[in-house]
PDB file of N, CA and C in Angstrom:
ATOM      1  N   MET A   1      36.693 -30.046   4.403  1.00  0.00           N
ATOM      2  CA  MET A   1      36.083 -28.596   5.042  1.00  0.00           C
ATOM      3  C   MET A   1      34.475 -28.818   5.291  1.00  0.00           C
ATOM      4  N   ALA A   2      34.064 -28.842   6.388  1.00  0.00           N
ATOM      5  CA  ALA A   2      32.588 -28.544   6.467  1.00  0.00           C
ATOM      6  C   ALA A   2      31.920 -27.398   5.862  1.00  0.00           C
ATOM      7  N   LYS A   3      30.762 -27.540   5.255  1.00  0.00           N
ATOM      8  CA  LYS A   3      29.955 -26.438   4.623  1.00  0.00           C
ATOM      9  C   LYS A   3      29.274 -25.571   5.886  1.00  0.00           C
ATOM     10  N   GLY A   4      28.735 -26.319   6.873  1.00  0.00           N
ATOM     11  CA  GLY A   4      28.137 -25.818   7.839  1.00  0.00           C
ATOM     12  C   GLY A   4      26.628 -26.251   7.668  1.00  0.00           C
ATOM     13  N   PRO A   5      25.683 -25.603   8.458  1.00  0.00           N
ATOM     14  CA  PRO A   5      24.040 -26.143   8.270  1.00  0.00           C
ATOM     15  C   PRO A   5      23.735 -25.588   7.184  1.00  0.00           C
ATOM     16  N   GLU A   6      22.587 -26.188   6.415  1.00  0.00           N
ATOM     17  CA  GLU A   6      21.614 -26.001   5.310  1.00  0.00           C
ATOM     18  C   GLU A   6      21.097 -24.727   5.676  1.00  0.00           C
ATOM     19  N   LYS A   7      20.829 -24.019   4.810  1.00  0.00           N
ATOM     20  CA  LYS A   7      20.169 -22.524   4.829  1.00  0.00           C
ATOM     21  C   LYS A   7      18.588 -23.016   4.655  1.00  0.00           C
ATOM     22  N   ASN A   8      17.882 -22.470   5.593  1.00  0.00           N
ATOM     23  CA  ASN A   8      16.454 -22.582   5.533  1.00  0.00           C
ATOM     24  C   ASN A   8      15.919 -21.783   4.609  1.00  0.00           C
ATOM     25  N   THR A   9      15.731 -21.873   3.282  1.00  0.00           N
ATOM     26  CA  THR A   9      15.264 -21.251   2.183  1.00  0.00           C
ATOM     27  C   THR A   9      13.703 -21.114   2.145  1.00  0.00           C
ATOM     28  N   LYS A  10      13.105 -22.096   2.511  1.00  0.00           N
ATOM     29  CA  LYS A  10      11.726 -22.414   2.772  1.00  0.00           C
ATOM     30  C   LYS A  10      11.219 -20.965   3.533  1.00  0.00           C
ATOM     31  N   ASN A  11      11.617 -21.043   4.707  1.00  0.00           N
ATOM     32  CA  ASN A  11      10.961 -19.977   5.494  1.00  0.00           C
ATOM     33  C   ASN A  11      11.315 -18.648   5.020  1.00  0.00           C
ATOM     34  N   LYS A  12      12.424 -18.579   4.645  1.00  0.00           N
ATOM     35  CA  LYS A  12      12.752 -17.270   3.735  1.00  0.00           C
ATOM     36  C   LYS A  12      11.935 -16.758   2.749  1.00  0.00           C
ATOM     37  N   ALA A  13      11.708 -17.690   1.955  1.00  0.00           N
ATOM     38  CA  ALA A  13      10.880 -17.349   0.857  1.00  0.00           C
ATOM     39  C   ALA A  13       9.552 -16.910   1.259  1.00  0.00           C
ATOM     40  N   LEU A  14       8.712 -17.908   2.218  1.00  0.00           N
ATOM     41  CA  LEU A  14       7.509 -17.401   3.019  1.00  0.00           C
ATOM     42  C   LEU A  14       7.626 -16.176   3.525  1.00  0.00           C
ATOM     43  N   HIS A  15       8.553 -15.636   3.959  1.00  0.00           N
ATOM     44  CA  HIS A  15       8.564 -14.264   4.669  1.00  0.00           C
ATOM     45  C   HIS A  15       8.480 -13.269   3.643  1.00  0.00           C
ATOM     46  N   THR A  16       9.497 -13.581   2.639  1.00  0.00           N
ATOM     47  CA  THR A  16       9.714 -12.633   1.563  1.00  0.00           C
ATOM     48  C   THR A  16       8.022 -12.427   1.076  1.00  0.00           C
ATOM     49  N   LYS A  17       7.479 -13.565   0.607  1.00  0.00           N
ATOM     50  CA  LYS A  17       6.208 -13.671   0.165  1.00  0.00           C
ATOM     51  C   LYS A  17       5.079 -12.776   0.812  1.00  0.00           C
ATOM     52  N   LEU A  18       5.322 -12.936   2.363  1.00  0.00           N
ATOM     53  CA  LEU A  18       4.489 -12.164   3.250  1.00  0.00           C
ATOM     54  C   LEU A  18       4.548 -10.823   3.240  1.00  0.00           C
ATOM     55  N   LEU A  19       5.867 -10.406   3.353  1.00  0.00           N
ATOM     56  CA  LEU A  19       6.224  -8.958   3.310  1.00  0.00           C
ATOM     57  C   LEU A  19       5.969  -8.393   1.922  1.00  0.00           C
ATOM     58  N   ASN A  20       6.130  -9.107   0.894  1.00  0.00           N
ATOM     59  CA  ASN A  20       5.687  -8.545  -0.340  1.00  0.00           C
ATOM     60  C   ASN A  20       4.091  -8.190  -0.346  1.00  0.00           C
ATOM     61  N   ARG A  21       3.242  -9.267   0.037  1.00  0.00           N
ATOM     62  CA  ARG A  21       1.785  -9.205   0.205  1.00  0.00           C
ATOM     63  C   ARG A  21       1.575  -7.860   1.150  1.00  0.00           C
ATOM     64  N   LYS A  22       2.273  -7.771   2.128  1.00  0.00           N
ATOM     65  CA  LYS A  22       2.214  -6.489   3.006  1.00  0.00           C
ATOM     66  C   LYS A  22       2.293  -5.087   2.635  1.00  0.00           C
ATOM     67  N   LYS A  23       3.442  -5.157   1.955  1.00  0.00           N
ATOM     68  CA  LYS A  23       3.815  -3.762   1.188  1.00  0.00           C
ATOM     69  C   LYS A  23       2.658  -3.480   0.113  1.00  0.00           C
ATOM     70  N   ALA A  24       2.096  -4.457  -0.683  1.00  0.00           N
ATOM     71  CA  ALA A  24       1.150  -4.363  -1.611  1.00  0.00           C
ATOM     72  C   ALA A  24       0.004  -3.686  -0.984  1.00  0.00           C
ATOM     73  N   LYS A  25      -0.247  -4.408   0.006  1.00  0.00           N
ATOM     74  CA  LYS A  25      -1.547  -4.058   0.756  1.00  0.00           C
ATOM     75  C   LYS A  25      -1.539  -2.495   0.974  1.00  0.00           C
ATOM     76  N   LEU A  26      -0.384  -1.988   1.799  1.00  0.00           N
ATOM     77  CA  LEU A  26      -0.087  -0.838   2.194  1.00  0.00           C
ATOM     78  C   LEU A  26      -0.192   0.168   0.980  1.00  0.00           C
ATOM     79  N   ARG A  27       0.222  -0.155  -0.041  1.00  0.00           N
ATOM     80  CA  ARG A  27       0.534   0.622  -1.496  1.00  0.00           C
ATOM     81  C   ARG A  27      -1.213   0.800  -1.854  1.00  0.00           C
ATOM     82  N   GLU A  28      -1.857  -0.114  -1.808  1.00  0.00           N
ATOM     83  CA  GLU A  28      -3.355  -0.033  -2.185  1.00  0.00           C
ATOM     84  C   GLU A  28      -4.105   0.737  -1.164  1.00  0.00           C
ATOM     85  N   GLU A  29      -3.705   0.463   0.268  1.00  0.00           N
ATOM     86  CA  GLU A  29      -4.692   1.390   1.008  1.00  0.00           C
ATOM     87  C   GLU A  29      -4.188   2.859   0.915  1.00  0.00           C
ATOM     88  N   LYS A  30      -2.990   3.275   0.560  1.00  0.00           N
ATOM     89  CA  LYS A  30      -2.311   4.554   0.250  1.00  0.00           C
ATOM     90  C   LYS A  30      -3.116   5.215  -0.795  1.00  0.00           C
ATOM     91  N   LYS A  31      -3.223   4.288  -2.170  1.00  0.00           N
ATOM     92  CA  LYS A  31      -3.756   4.603  -3.331  1.00  0.00           C
ATOM     93  C   LYS A  31      -5.191   5.118  -2.981  1.00  0.00           C
ATOM     94  N   ASP A  32      -5.904   4.479  -2.211  1.00  0.00           N
ATOM     95  CA  ASP A  32      -7.294   4.224  -2.140  1.00  0.00           C
ATOM     96  C   ASP A  32      -7.645   5.375  -1.344  1.00  0.00           C
ATOM     97  N   GLN A  33      -6.824   6.046  -0.299  1.00  0.00           N
ATOM     98  CA  GLN A  33      -6.883   7.018   0.631  1.00  0.00           C
ATOM     99  C   GLN A  33      -6.556   8.281  -0.289  1.00  0.00           C
ATOM    100  N   ALA A  34      -5.753   8.280  -1.186  1.00  0.00           N
ATOM    101  CA  ALA A  34      -5.394   9.471  -2.036  1.00  0.00           C
ATOM    102  C   ALA A  34      -6.696   9.688  -3.065  1.00  0.00           C
ATOM    103  N   LEU A  35      -7.355   8.716  -3.497  1.00  0.00           N
ATOM    104  CA  LEU A  35      -8.400   8.844  -4.310  1.00  0.00           C
ATOM    105  C   LEU A  35      -9.581   9.422  -3.565  1.00  0.00           C
ATOM    106  N   ARG A  36      -9.724   9.051  -2.464  1.00  0.00           N
ATOM    107  CA  ARG A  36     -10.843   9.236  -1.510  1.00  0.00           C
ATOM    108  C   ARG A  36     -10.689  11.103  -1.088  1.00  0.00           C
ATOM    109  N   LEU A  37      -9.329  11.119  -0.910  1.00  0.00           N
ATOM    110  CA  LEU A  37      -9.246  12.569  -0.699  1.00  0.00           C
ATOM    111  C   LEU A  37      -9.131  13.759  -1.739  1.00  0.00           C
ATOM    112  N   LYS A  38      -8.811  12.917  -3.077  1.00  0.00           N
ATOM    113  CA  LYS A  38      -8.661  13.788  -4.262  1.00  0.00           C
ATOM    114  C   LYS A  38     -10.455  13.943  -4.552  1.00  0.00           C
ATOM    115  N   ALA A  39     -11.513  12.880  -4.383  1.00  0.00           N
ATOM    116  CA  ALA A  39     -12.911  13.239  -4.523  1.00  0.00           C
ATOM    117  C   ALA A  39     -13.372  13.956  -3.520  1.00  0.00           C
ATOM    118  N   LEU A  40     -12.881  13.984  -2.395  1.00  0.00           N
ATOM    119  CA  LEU A  40     -13.453  14.907  -1.123  1.00  0.00           C
ATOM    120  C   LEU A  40     -13.160  16.427  -1.709  1.00  0.00           C
ATOM    121  N   VAL A  41     -11.890  16.562  -2.052  1.00  0.00           N
ATOM    122  CA  VAL A  41     -11.423  18.148  -2.383  1.00  0.00           C
ATOM    123  C   VAL A  41     -12.157  18.540  -3.413  1.00  0.00           C
ATOM    124  N   ALA A  42     -12.303  17.606  -4.717  1.00  0.00           N
ATOM    125  CA  ALA A  42     -13.193  18.059  -5.774  1.00  0.00           C
ATOM    126  C   ALA A  42     -14.590  18.374  -5.331  1.00  0.00           C
ATOM    127  N   LYS A  43     -15.096  17.467  -4.332  1.00  0.00           N
ATOM    128  CA  LYS A  43     -16.524  17.984  -3.940  1.00  0.00           C
ATOM    129  C   LYS A  43     -16.663  19.234  -3.246  1.00  0.00           C
ATOM    130  N   MET A  44     -15.442  19.480  -2.310  1.00  0.00           N
ATOM    131  CA  MET A  44     -15.687  20.661  -1.689  1.00  0.00           C
ATOM    132  C   MET A  44     -15.508  22.187  -2.428  1.00  0.00           C
ATOM    133  N   ASN A  45     -14.623  21.804  -3.619  1.00  0.00           N
ATOM    134  CA  ASN A  45     -14.218  22.824  -4.259  1.00  0.00           C
ATOM    135  C   ASN A  45     -15.648  23.371  -5.185  1.00  0.00           C
ATOM    136  N   GLU A  46     -16.187  22.198  -5.456  1.00  0.00           N
ATOM    137  CA  GLU A  46     -17.533  22.335  -6.295  1.00  0.00           C
ATOM    138  C   GLU A  46     -18.554  22.786  -5.762  1.00  0.00           C
ATOM    139  N   LYS A  47     -18.737  22.693  -4.421  1.00  0.00           N
ATOM    140  CA  LYS A  47     -19.662  23.274  -3.173  1.00  0.00           C
ATOM    141  C   LYS A  47     -19.273  24.781  -3.061  1.00  0.00           C
ATOM    142  N   LYS A  48     -17.948  24.912  -3.022  1.00  0.00           N
ATOM    143  CA  LYS A  48     -17.533  26.246  -2.971  1.00  0.00           C
ATOM    144  C   LYS A  48     -17.842  27.233  -3.865  1.00  0.00           C
ATOM    145  N   ASN A  49     -17.511  26.620  -5.098  1.00  0.00           N
ATOM    146  CA  ASN A  49     -17.925  27.366  -6.441  1.00  0.00           C
ATOM    147  C   ASN A  49     -19.291  27.731  -6.461  1.00  0.00           C
ATOM    148  N   SER A  50     -20.241  26.878  -6.295  1.00  0.00           N
ATOM    149  CA  SER A  50     -21.697  26.964  -6.470  1.00  0.00           C
ATOM    150  C   SER A  50     -22.369  27.836  -5.443  1.00  0.00           C
ATOM    151  N   ASP A  51     -21.383  27.752  -3.894  1.00  0.00           N
ATOM    152  CA  ASP A  51     -22.036  28.851  -3.153  1.00  0.00           C
ATOM    153  C   ASP A  51     -21.763  30.240  -3.459  1.00  0.00           C
ATOM    154  N   GLY A  52     -20.491  30.491  -4.261  1.00  0.00           N
ATOM    155  CA  GLY A  52     -19.984  31.826  -4.538  1.00  0.00           C
ATOM    156  C   GLY A  52     -20.710  32.411  -5.732  1.00  0.00           C
ATOM    157  N   ILE A  53     -21.672  31.668  -6.263  1.00  0.00           N
ATOM    158  CA  ILE A  53     -22.272  32.293  -7.517  1.00  0.00           C
ATOM    159  C   ILE A  53     -23.399  32.767  -7.058  1.00  0.00           C
TER     160      ILE A  53
END
């Protein structure tokens, strides 16, 4: 019984590596965006509180 063609594990490994890198980059960008937004909200709240006094 023939086993069939060999699997191309090299390309699959490279593809997985690239996808993991892409996902990590998206996670970092999302985290950075959240930090910038949090800083902006804090700044605006501080400004609002100082104007109200």
